[in-house]
Amino acid sequence: APKARLLAYVGGMAPHKNLARLIDAFGLALASKSMSDVTLVLVGDPAGDGFHSNYAELQGRVKRDPQLQQRVRFTGFIEDDDLATLYSDAWLVALPSLSEGFGLPAAEAIACGTPVIAARGGAVAEVVARAGAFFDPLDVDDIARVIVELSSDAGRMAALRARCAERALQLS
């Protein structure tokens, strides 16, 4: 069987990270045939890092939907060495945050050759530049649209991966 494609999120579990909308958008995207092999992986410390965590709410959202139960994984904290492997193996990295500082996970993903889908505008969009695709972080349908479009467009994904190599050279 072909290897599952991972749509990965790496970061905190605080409400401003917008993971509830990402989970809802992923649920909508699963209606598309091109999504049959995609799993959403949420990587981050459930306890949070000084920010409020809505981990329990996010888990509840997944538990209420049998389809999401099978296709969404919470990994908890992952060590840096394993994180590099995850970034490299991921199909896409999603950063739906409503507000972000620099967006280190975007730079890390790009350095590993993995395109990023992110909230339009803000610091993360500047980091990603042409090495990803953007959505309105308040619009679940728009997030789902971007995921589905990329899931069925191997040519665009190959172009984004090539742009990751270019962009990685510009990030330090």
Foldseek 3Di string as FASTA:
>chain_A
DDAAAEAEEADAQAVLQLVVLVLVLVVVLVVDPLNPRYAYEYEEAQVGDPHDHPSVVSVVSQVVDPVSVVRYYYDHHDDPVVVLVVLLRHQEYERLGNADDQPVVCLSSLLSLHAYEYAPDYNSCVLRPQLYHYFHSVDSNRSNVRVNVVSPCVPSSVVSSVVSVVSNVVPD
